[in-house]
Every structure is written in structure tokens, then in C-alpha cells.
Amino acid sequence: MKQDKTPWLKLSERALVSYHEKQFQNPYRSTVSFARWLEHLKLLSAKDSKNILDIGCGEGANISYLARKFPNSAFTGIDLNKTLVEKGNAILKKLKFTNCKLEKGDLYDLDTKYQGNIDGIISLQTLSWLPSYQQPIEEMVKLKPDWIAMSSLFYDGFIESEIKVRDYSGLNKKHTEVFYNVYSLKLVEDLFRKKGYKKFKYIPFEIDIDIKRNKNGRMGTYTVKTAEGARLQISGPLLMNWYFIMAAK
């Protein structure tokens, strides 16, 4: 199925460069927790030598953190946005990374050169910003990795929600549109099982720090504590149901 990728490119160029770049020095708590979870599942360790593909990598801040934590493994990030790839490679070179690199690629038409050459696929905070989860997962499976791990917005049940955010808060009042879809963990698990990935695990991402709400009222995660002390993550009008998932053969 052909996808219109223009909105993603414009959004990344206009709004997400700072999002990617600021975590080179201060990794987001979700990235730290995701890496810890991969280690807990024994998918990655400091001693292992694995080849990992990051789909929808942006400027590669996520894999720069993983490359430090797992120095014997090699990380390749792919992103549709050529500008982000070029900027990211320049940053990685400046920081003298030798075990990670970025390449331009389309998650709806993944290059077969990766097939048989990777141990695992990761994709952080990407799936829910796509029109659907089926085709991206099917493309990942075609590369035949041992496992696939992702972070995204999910619901623990047979219910999903298609959400399109229209943000009119820019200075020129021309709105941007982006998906914040919440997918069913049960249906995603069913798809992986049909594709031969019988092992499926997931955990909610529970953030361990307080984040203040931005004063301009725009999209951007902040936290609110419940009476029991748990932190809810909210962005604009939305509750952010973050989960980590993993499917393996």
C-alpha cells in the first residue's frame, strides 16, 4: 500500500530536530528504560556482539545511547528524512562513535540488503505515528530478525483507537496533523504470531521522574500523579499509554 510520507517529512524538519538532538547529551527516560528492558530479556548485553537495526531512528540519539551501553554490538539506524540522517551522522562522527551509523530508508519498503544480516530490530516512538501498524510490522518481519522490540502507544485489550491530532498553536495558525494512534496489544500479538513470532512480551513504561507541563499548552509530555503515587503521562489532550513490546521466534 502506497503511503503519503510528505506530512512526516515536514513535521520532522519543522518540529522534531530539537527533540532528537537534545537527548544526545541527556537520554530520555524511555530510552534508558527500554535499553534496561532489552538487557533484562537477554536480547542485548555489554559482552554480546549483535547487529541491530533501528527503524525510524531520526538523528540516531536512541542508538547513540545503546551504542555506549552495548559497545560490542553494531547499530544501524534508518529514517526516511534525509536531513535527519545527515545531521545525525555528523553528530555521531563528532562524538567519535564507531559502532553506529544512519542510512536513508523507507519503513514501507525496507531494503532487502538487511535480510539475514541483523539479529534484532528496534523502533522507538514510531509505530503510533503511522496510519496503521500492520504494514510496518510486516515489512520488519520480512527482514527475518530473531526478534523485534518497540515502544509505542498501546491498550491491553481488543480495543484500538485512531487519533489524529491537529495542532493550531503555531505562530501562523496553519495546523499540523499527526497520528497518535493507540493500538491493541492483543491484535498486535496475533499478527506477530501469524508471522512466526510466537514469543510475545510487553510491559508498560512507567516514568520515574516528574515533568512539568509546558506553559504554551502545546503538545509535549508532562506528568500528573495519581492518589496512589503513579505518574500519568499526558501530552496536550491525550493520555500517553506507553508500552514496550517484544516479539521473538
Protein backbone atom coordinates (compact mmCIF):
# COMPACT_ATOMS: atom_id res chain seq x y z
CA MET A 1 0.00 0.00 0.00
CA LYS A 2 1.41 3.35 -1.06
CA GLN A 3 1.72 5.87 1.76
CA ASP A 4 1.88 9.67 1.61
CA LYS A 5 5.07 10.46 3.52
CA THR A 6 5.10 14.25 2.97
CA PRO A 7 3.48 15.12 6.34
CA TRP A 8 6.07 13.05 8.26
CA LEU A 9 8.94 14.73 6.43
CA LYS A 10 7.58 18.24 7.04
CA LEU A 11 6.84 17.50 10.67
CA SER A 12 10.30 16.09 11.30
CA GLU A 13 12.04 19.00 9.63
CA ARG A 14 9.95 21.63 11.37
CA ALA A 15 9.25 20.25 14.83
CA LEU A 16 11.39 17.26 15.74
CA VAL A 17 15.04 18.25 15.18
CA SER A 18 15.32 19.62 18.71
CA TYR A 19 13.51 16.54 20.04
CA HIS A 20 16.20 14.31 18.55
CA GLU A 21 19.23 16.43 19.28
CA LYS A 22 18.66 17.26 22.93
CA GLN A 23 18.81 13.65 24.02
CA PHE A 24 22.33 13.05 22.71
CA GLN A 25 23.53 14.53 26.00
CA ASN A 26 20.51 13.73 28.17
CA PRO A 27 18.85 10.46 27.10
CA TYR A 28 15.12 10.34 27.65
CA ARG A 29 13.90 8.14 30.49
CA SER A 30 12.01 6.00 27.99
CA THR A 31 15.24 5.26 26.11
CA VAL A 32 17.06 4.34 29.31
CA SER A 33 14.20 2.09 30.46
CA PHE A 34 13.87 0.47 27.03
CA ALA A 35 17.58 -0.40 26.98
CA ARG A 36 17.32 -1.81 30.51
CA TRP A 37 14.37 -3.97 29.43
CA LEU A 38 16.27 -5.36 26.41
CA GLU A 39 19.09 -6.26 28.77
CA HIS A 40 16.65 -7.89 31.21
CA LEU A 41 15.26 -10.02 28.36
CA LYS A 42 18.86 -11.01 27.46
CA LEU A 43 18.46 -9.65 23.95
CA LEU A 44 21.47 -7.35 24.38
CA SER A 45 24.36 -7.25 26.79
CA ALA A 46 27.67 -5.43 27.08
CA LYS A 47 29.51 -8.65 26.19
CA ASP A 48 27.40 -9.73 23.20
CA SER A 49 28.15 -8.81 19.60
CA LYS A 50 24.84 -8.22 17.80
CA ASN A 51 23.74 -6.37 14.67
CA ILE A 52 20.72 -4.19 15.41
CA LEU A 53 18.55 -2.17 13.02
CA ASP A 54 16.67 0.89 14.36
CA ILE A 55 13.69 1.80 12.16
CA GLY A 56 12.54 5.42 12.30
CA CYS A 57 15.77 6.48 14.02
CA GLY A 58 15.55 10.25 13.50
CA GLU A 59 19.02 11.63 14.16
CA GLY A 60 20.13 8.48 15.98
CA ALA A 61 20.10 9.69 19.57
CA ASN A 62 18.50 6.43 20.73
CA ILE A 63 21.14 4.22 19.18
CA SER A 64 23.93 6.50 20.37
CA TYR A 65 22.81 5.65 23.90
CA LEU A 66 22.57 1.95 23.07
CA ALA A 67 25.96 2.04 21.35
CA ARG A 68 27.54 3.31 24.57
CA LYS A 69 25.72 0.80 26.73
CA PHE A 70 26.41 -2.16 24.41
CA PRO A 71 29.80 -1.31 22.85
CA ASN A 72 30.40 -4.69 21.20
CA SER A 73 27.21 -4.52 19.14
CA ALA A 74 26.70 -2.63 15.87
CA PHE A 75 23.70 -0.36 15.35
CA THR A 76 22.30 0.90 12.04
CA GLY A 77 19.51 3.46 12.05
CA ILE A 78 17.27 4.15 9.08
CA ASP A 79 14.96 7.09 8.55
CA LEU A 80 13.02 8.47 5.60
CA ASN A 81 14.15 12.02 6.30
CA LYS A 82 17.46 12.67 4.54
CA THR A 83 18.13 15.83 6.56
CA LEU A 84 17.84 14.00 9.88
CA VAL A 85 20.11 11.21 8.63
CA GLU A 86 22.79 13.67 7.51
CA LYS A 87 22.59 15.70 10.70
CA GLY A 88 22.70 12.57 12.81
CA ASN A 89 25.71 11.09 11.04
CA ALA A 90 27.57 14.38 11.51
CA ILE A 91 26.82 14.29 15.25
CA LEU A 92 27.82 10.63 15.56
CA LYS A 93 31.09 11.38 13.75
CA LYS A 94 31.80 14.36 16.00
CA LEU A 95 31.14 12.20 19.07
CA LYS A 96 33.51 9.56 17.60
CA PHE A 97 31.10 6.65 17.52
CA THR A 98 32.41 3.64 15.62
CA ASN A 99 29.60 1.14 16.20
CA CYS A 100 26.58 3.06 14.89
CA LYS A 101 25.60 4.75 11.64
CA LEU A 102 22.49 6.10 9.91
CA GLU A 103 21.13 5.41 6.44
CA LYS A 104 18.18 6.77 4.48
CA GLY A 105 15.44 4.17 4.22
CA ASP A 106 11.70 3.71 3.93
CA LEU A 107 9.97 1.56 6.56
CA TYR A 108 7.25 0.79 3.98
CA ASP A 109 9.85 -0.59 1.58
CA LEU A 110 12.75 -1.89 3.64
CA ASP A 111 15.92 -2.74 1.73
CA THR A 112 16.47 -6.49 1.40
CA LYS A 113 20.20 -5.97 2.00
CA TYR A 114 19.42 -6.15 5.72
CA GLN A 115 17.78 -9.56 5.38
CA GLY A 116 19.81 -12.20 7.18
CA ASN A 117 22.32 -9.64 8.41
CA ILE A 118 20.61 -8.42 11.57
CA ASP A 119 19.89 -10.07 14.90
CA GLY A 120 17.20 -7.70 16.07
CA ILE A 121 15.05 -4.74 15.07
CA ILE A 122 14.09 -1.87 17.35
CA SER A 123 11.73 1.01 16.71
CA LEU A 124 11.11 3.65 19.34
CA GLN A 125 8.13 6.01 19.41
CA THR A 126 7.33 5.49 15.74
CA LEU A 127 4.51 2.99 15.26
CA SER A 128 1.68 5.10 16.73
CA TRP A 129 2.58 8.00 14.45
CA LEU A 130 1.81 5.89 11.38
CA PRO A 131 -1.65 5.34 9.84
CA SER A 132 -1.64 1.68 10.93
CA TYR A 133 0.63 -0.98 12.43
CA GLN A 134 0.07 -3.88 10.04
CA GLN A 135 2.24 -2.97 7.05
CA PRO A 136 5.22 -1.64 9.06
CA ILE A 137 5.32 -4.85 11.14
CA GLU A 138 5.00 -7.00 8.02
CA GLU A 139 7.94 -5.14 6.46
CA MET A 140 10.06 -5.68 9.58
CA VAL A 141 9.23 -9.39 9.63
CA LYS A 142 10.38 -9.73 6.01
CA LEU A 143 13.94 -8.99 7.15
CA LYS A 144 13.82 -12.15 9.30
CA PRO A 145 15.39 -10.85 12.53
CA ASP A 146 15.44 -13.11 15.59
CA TRP A 147 13.41 -10.53 17.49
CA ILE A 148 11.63 -7.19 17.14
CA ALA A 149 11.20 -4.73 20.02
CA MET A 150 9.30 -1.46 20.00
CA SER A 151 7.90 1.32 22.14
CA SER A 152 4.57 2.81 21.20
CA LEU A 153 1.08 3.65 22.48
CA PHE A 154 -0.94 0.51 23.23
CA TYR A 155 -4.02 -0.74 25.06
CA ASP A 156 -4.05 -4.07 26.89
CA GLY A 157 -7.20 -5.44 25.27
CA PHE A 158 -9.04 -5.93 22.00
CA ILE A 159 -9.67 -2.21 21.53
CA GLU A 160 -7.77 0.31 19.46
CA SER A 161 -8.19 4.00 18.73
CA GLU A 162 -7.30 6.01 15.66
CA ILE A 163 -6.32 9.51 16.78
CA LYS A 164 -5.26 12.37 14.55
CA VAL A 165 -4.01 15.48 16.32
CA ARG A 166 -4.47 18.82 14.60
CA ASP A 167 -2.24 21.42 16.21
CA TYR A 168 -3.26 25.03 15.53
CA SER A 169 -0.89 26.60 18.06
CA GLY A 170 1.81 27.66 15.59
CA LEU A 171 2.51 31.33 15.06
CA ASN A 172 0.91 31.39 11.61
CA LYS A 173 -2.07 29.29 12.81
CA LYS A 174 -1.56 26.80 9.98
CA HIS A 175 -2.16 23.48 11.65
CA THR A 176 -0.05 20.36 11.56
CA GLU A 177 -1.55 16.90 11.56
CA VAL A 178 -0.05 13.79 13.08
CA PHE A 179 -1.34 10.42 14.27
CA TYR A 180 -1.24 9.42 17.93
CA ASN A 181 -2.86 6.02 17.41
CA VAL A 182 -3.38 3.60 20.29
CA TYR A 183 -3.10 0.00 19.09
CA SER A 184 -4.42 -3.19 20.65
CA LEU A 185 -1.67 -5.28 22.24
CA LYS A 186 -3.79 -8.39 21.65
CA LEU A 187 -4.19 -7.72 17.93
CA VAL A 188 -0.51 -6.84 17.51
CA GLU A 189 0.42 -10.09 19.27
CA ASP A 190 -1.91 -12.02 16.95
CA LEU A 191 -0.21 -10.52 13.90
CA PHE A 192 3.25 -11.43 15.15
CA ARG A 193 2.14 -14.99 15.89
CA LYS A 194 0.76 -15.37 12.37
CA LYS A 195 4.15 -14.25 11.04
CA GLY A 196 6.02 -16.89 13.05
CA TYR A 197 6.98 -14.83 16.09
CA LYS A 198 5.43 -16.96 18.83
CA LYS A 199 7.04 -15.32 21.86
CA PHE A 200 5.47 -12.01 22.84
CA LYS A 201 6.19 -9.90 25.90
CA TYR A 202 5.18 -6.41 26.94
CA ILE A 203 5.40 -4.04 29.88
CA PRO A 204 4.02 -0.55 30.48
CA PHE A 205 6.60 2.21 30.57
CA GLU A 206 6.32 3.84 33.98
CA ILE A 207 8.33 7.02 34.05
CA ASP A 208 10.40 7.65 37.18
CA ILE A 209 10.62 11.46 37.11
CA ASP A 210 8.18 14.36 37.29
CA ILE A 211 7.81 16.51 34.16
CA LYS A 212 6.20 19.94 34.29
CA ARG A 213 3.55 20.96 31.81
CA ASN A 214 4.78 23.45 29.22
CA LYS A 215 3.30 26.92 29.61
CA ASN A 216 2.25 27.35 25.99
CA GLY A 217 -0.27 24.50 26.12
CA ARG A 218 1.17 22.73 23.09
CA MET A 219 1.87 19.03 22.66
CA GLY A 220 4.65 17.78 24.90
CA THR A 221 4.71 15.16 27.63
CA TYR A 222 4.12 16.11 31.24
CA THR A 223 3.23 14.01 34.27
CA VAL A 224 0.39 14.04 36.79
CA LYS A 225 0.49 11.91 39.94
CA THR A 226 -2.44 9.76 40.96
CA ALA A 227 -3.55 9.35 44.58
CA GLU A 228 -1.53 6.12 44.68
CA GLY A 229 1.63 7.94 43.54
CA ALA A 230 1.77 6.62 39.98
CA ARG A 231 2.71 9.08 37.23
CA LEU A 232 0.36 9.51 34.29
CA GLN A 233 1.99 10.78 31.11
CA ILE A 234 -0.05 13.34 29.20
CA SER A 235 0.63 15.28 26.01
CA GLY A 236 -1.77 18.06 25.04
CA PRO A 237 -5.26 16.49 25.41
CA LEU A 238 -4.05 12.88 25.33
CA LEU A 239 -3.17 10.23 27.87
CA MET A 240 0.05 8.58 26.65
CA ASN A 241 -0.31 4.82 27.14
CA TRP A 242 3.33 3.88 26.56
CA TYR A 243 4.32 0.23 26.39
CA PHE A 244 7.43 -1.70 25.43
CA ILE A 245 6.77 -4.82 23.35
CA MET A 246 8.97 -7.67 22.10
CA ALA A 247 8.26 -10.47 19.64
CA ALA A 248 10.67 -13.33 19.03
CA LYS A 249 10.73 -16.57 17.06
